[in-house]
C-alpha cells in the first residue's frame, strides 16, 4: 500500500490503464480508522492489487482533484476502484470492508 504524494503520481497511475484501488482516509475520524484497517488487511493479503491511499487532511488538493475530475462526491473514508482510466466502483464509510473490496476486485478483473 503506497501513499500518493502528488497529483502527477495519481494521474500517471490512472493513465496507466490498469486496475487502481485508492482509499481517501481521514486521520481524525474513527469511521475512517475502521475503514483504513479493513483496507490495510485486504491489501496485505492481496499484494497483486495496485493499492494507494491518501490522507485528506494532508492532501486536500488531490482529494478535491479526484472528486472533480471523476465527478464523485468527496467522502471520507472513501474507497475508489479505477480500471482502464475510469472509476468503476466507489464506496464510503461503513461500506468500505474487506469483503466489499474483495468482491469488487474479483468482479472487475
C-alpha atoms as a PDB file:
ATOM      1  CA  UNK A   1       0.000   0.000   0.000  1.00  0.00           C
ATOM      2  CA  UNK A   2       1.553   3.223  -1.167  1.00  0.00           C
ATOM      3  CA  UNK A   3       0.732   6.815  -0.356  1.00  0.00           C
ATOM      4  CA  UNK A   4       0.151   9.307  -3.139  1.00  0.00           C
ATOM      5  CA  UNK A   5       2.491  12.262  -2.901  1.00  0.00           C
ATOM      6  CA  UNK A   6       1.312  14.352  -5.864  1.00  0.00           C
ATOM      7  CA  UNK A   7      -1.382  14.940  -8.478  1.00  0.00           C
ATOM      8  CA  UNK A   8       1.104  13.869 -11.120  1.00  0.00           C
ATOM      9  CA  UNK A   9       1.697  10.496  -9.466  1.00  0.00           C
ATOM     10  CA  UNK A  10      -2.054   9.909  -9.207  1.00  0.00           C
ATOM     11  CA  UNK A  11      -2.692  10.973 -12.812  1.00  0.00           C
ATOM     12  CA  UNK A  12       0.112   8.717 -14.045  1.00  0.00           C
ATOM     13  CA  UNK A  13      -1.297   5.689 -12.207  1.00  0.00           C
ATOM     14  CA  UNK A  14      -4.802   6.284 -13.589  1.00  0.00           C
ATOM     15  CA  UNK A  15      -3.494   6.826 -17.131  1.00  0.00           C
ATOM     16  CA  UNK A  16      -1.576   3.541 -16.986  1.00  0.00           C
ATOM     17  CA  UNK A  17      -4.978   1.929 -17.573  1.00  0.00           C
ATOM     18  CA  UNK A  18      -4.562  -0.839 -15.067  1.00  0.00           C
ATOM     19  CA  UNK A  19      -6.627  -1.538 -12.018  1.00  0.00           C
ATOM     20  CA  UNK A  20      -6.015   1.002  -9.231  1.00  0.00           C
ATOM     21  CA  UNK A  21      -7.563   0.937  -5.768  1.00  0.00           C
ATOM     22  CA  UNK A  22      -7.487   4.178  -3.745  1.00  0.00           C
ATOM     23  CA  UNK A  23      -8.579   4.943  -0.202  1.00  0.00           C
ATOM     24  CA  UNK A  24      -9.292   8.515   0.861  1.00  0.00           C
ATOM     25  CA  UNK A  25      -8.623   8.449   4.605  1.00  0.00           C
ATOM     26  CA  UNK A  26      -9.246  10.936   7.399  1.00  0.00           C
ATOM     27  CA  UNK A  27      -6.694  10.733  10.200  1.00  0.00           C
ATOM     28  CA  UNK A  28      -9.175  12.162  12.744  1.00  0.00           C
ATOM     29  CA  UNK A  29     -12.315  10.096  12.111  1.00  0.00           C
ATOM     30  CA  UNK A  30     -12.986   6.786  13.897  1.00  0.00           C
ATOM     31  CA  UNK A  31     -15.116   5.503  10.987  1.00  0.00           C
ATOM     32  CA  UNK A  32     -12.224   6.243   8.658  1.00  0.00           C
ATOM     33  CA  UNK A  33      -9.864   4.466  11.038  1.00  0.00           C
ATOM     34  CA  UNK A  34     -12.025   1.352  10.834  1.00  0.00           C
ATOM     35  CA  UNK A  35     -12.143   1.536   7.022  1.00  0.00           C
ATOM     36  CA  UNK A  36      -8.363   2.001   6.920  1.00  0.00           C
ATOM     37  CA  UNK A  37      -7.907  -1.189   8.970  1.00  0.00           C
ATOM     38  CA  UNK A  38     -10.184  -3.124   6.580  1.00  0.00           C
ATOM     39  CA  UNK A  39      -8.310  -1.697   3.573  1.00  0.00           C
ATOM     40  CA  UNK A  40      -4.917  -2.429   5.098  1.00  0.00           C
ATOM     41  CA  UNK A  41      -5.903  -6.042   5.888  1.00  0.00           C
ATOM     42  CA  UNK A  42      -7.174  -6.548   2.359  1.00  0.00           C
ATOM     43  CA  UNK A  43      -4.054  -5.082   0.744  1.00  0.00           C
ATOM     44  CA  UNK A  44      -1.703  -7.138   2.937  1.00  0.00           C
ATOM     45  CA  UNK A  45      -3.386 -10.337   1.759  1.00  0.00           C
ATOM     46  CA  UNK A  46      -3.708  -9.254  -1.888  1.00  0.00           C
ATOM     47  CA  UNK A  47      -0.267  -7.972  -2.798  1.00  0.00           C
ATOM     48  CA  UNK A  48      -1.090  -8.121  -6.511  1.00  0.00           C
ATOM     49  CA  UNK A  49      -3.600  -5.250  -6.111  1.00  0.00           C
ATOM     50  CA  UNK A  50      -2.223  -1.840  -7.064  1.00  0.00           C
ATOM     51  CA  UNK A  51      -3.333  -0.048  -3.877  1.00  0.00           C
ATOM     52  CA  UNK A  52      -2.772   3.520  -2.749  1.00  0.00           C
ATOM     53  CA  UNK A  53      -4.149   5.828  -0.119  1.00  0.00           C
ATOM     54  CA  UNK A  54      -4.157   9.500   0.713  1.00  0.00           C
ATOM     55  CA  UNK A  55      -4.817  11.349   3.949  1.00  0.00           C
ATOM     56  CA  UNK A  56      -7.368  14.070   3.229  1.00  0.00           C
ATOM     57  CA  UNK A  57      -6.015  16.438   5.893  1.00  0.00           C
ATOM     58  CA  UNK A  58      -2.565  16.263   4.306  1.00  0.00           C
ATOM     59  CA  UNK A  59      -3.584  16.347   0.660  1.00  0.00           C
ATOM     60  CA  UNK A  60      -6.928  18.067   0.269  1.00  0.00           C
ATOM     61  CA  UNK A  61      -5.970  19.355  -3.229  1.00  0.00           C
ATOM     62  CA  UNK A  62      -5.508  15.788  -4.515  1.00  0.00           C
ATOM     63  CA  UNK A  63      -8.709  14.651  -2.810  1.00  0.00           C
ATOM     64  CA  UNK A  64     -10.576  17.509  -4.484  1.00  0.00           C
ATOM     65  CA  UNK A  65      -8.870  16.765  -7.829  1.00  0.00           C
ATOM     66  CA  UNK A  66     -10.157  13.183  -7.729  1.00  0.00           C
ATOM     67  CA  UNK A  67     -13.679  14.305  -6.807  1.00  0.00           C
ATOM     68  CA  UNK A  68     -13.811  16.973  -9.520  1.00  0.00           C
ATOM     69  CA  UNK A  69     -12.099  15.011 -12.298  1.00  0.00           C
ATOM     70  CA  UNK A  70     -14.201  11.887 -11.861  1.00  0.00           C
ATOM     71  CA  UNK A  71     -17.433  13.536 -10.652  1.00  0.00           C
ATOM     72  CA  UNK A  72     -17.501  11.637  -7.371  1.00  0.00           C
ATOM     73  CA  UNK A  73     -18.801  13.445  -4.318  1.00  0.00           C
ATOM     74  CA  UNK A  74     -15.986  13.678  -1.759  1.00  0.00           C
ATOM     75  CA  UNK A  75     -16.488  11.442   1.246  1.00  0.00           C
ATOM     76  CA  UNK A  76     -14.127  10.139   3.863  1.00  0.00           C
ATOM     77  CA  UNK A  77     -13.417   7.361   4.194  1.00  0.00           C
ATOM     78  CA  UNK A  78     -13.915   6.514   0.561  1.00  0.00           C
ATOM     79  CA  UNK A  79     -12.583   3.620  -1.499  1.00  0.00           C
ATOM     80  CA  UNK A  80     -12.423   4.059  -5.268  1.00  0.00           C
ATOM     81  CA  UNK A  81     -11.567   1.469  -7.905  1.00  0.00           C
ATOM     82  CA  UNK A  82     -10.240   2.699 -11.234  1.00  0.00           C
ATOM     83  CA  UNK A  83      -9.939   0.446 -14.265  1.00  0.00           C
ATOM     84  CA  UNK A  84      -8.928   1.433 -17.789  1.00  0.00           C
ATOM     85  CA  UNK A  85      -8.597   5.068 -16.700  1.00  0.00           C
ATOM     86  CA  UNK A  86     -12.067   5.489 -15.212  1.00  0.00           C
ATOM     87  CA  UNK A  87     -13.969   4.867 -11.994  1.00  0.00           C
ATOM     88  CA  UNK A  88     -15.746   1.513 -11.957  1.00  0.00           C
ATOM     89  CA  UNK A  89     -16.757   1.492  -8.274  1.00  0.00           C
ATOM     90  CA  UNK A  90     -16.688   3.581  -5.140  1.00  0.00           C
ATOM     91  CA  UNK A  91     -17.992   3.208  -1.601  1.00  0.00           C
ATOM     92  CA  UNK A  92     -17.761   5.168   1.604  1.00  0.00           C
ATOM     93  CA  UNK A  93     -17.976   4.921   5.357  1.00  0.00           C
ATOM     94  CA  UNK A  94     -19.066   1.517   6.700  1.00  0.00           C
ATOM     95  CA  UNK A  95     -19.324   0.098   3.166  1.00  0.00           C
ATOM     96  CA  UNK A  96     -15.517   0.003   2.924  1.00  0.00           C
ATOM     97  CA  UNK A  97     -14.897  -3.539   4.152  1.00  0.00           C
ATOM     98  CA  UNK A  98     -12.542  -6.386   3.387  1.00  0.00           C
ATOM     99  CA  UNK A  99     -15.413  -8.313   1.790  1.00  0.00           C
ATOM    100  CA  UNK A 100     -16.611  -5.391  -0.360  1.00  0.00           C
ATOM    101  CA  UNK A 101     -13.056  -4.808  -1.603  1.00  0.00           C
ATOM    102  CA  UNK A 102     -12.587  -8.493  -2.393  1.00  0.00           C
ATOM    103  CA  UNK A 103     -15.880  -8.654  -4.267  1.00  0.00           C
ATOM    104  CA  UNK A 104     -15.252  -5.563  -6.393  1.00  0.00           C
ATOM    105  CA  UNK A 105     -11.686  -6.580  -7.282  1.00  0.00           C
ATOM    106  CA  UNK A 106     -12.899 -10.007  -8.398  1.00  0.00           C
ATOM    107  CA  UNK A 107     -15.806  -8.534 -10.382  1.00  0.00           C
ATOM    108  CA  UNK A 108     -13.535  -6.110 -12.244  1.00  0.00           C
ATOM    109  CA  UNK A 109     -10.614  -8.308 -13.254  1.00  0.00           C
END
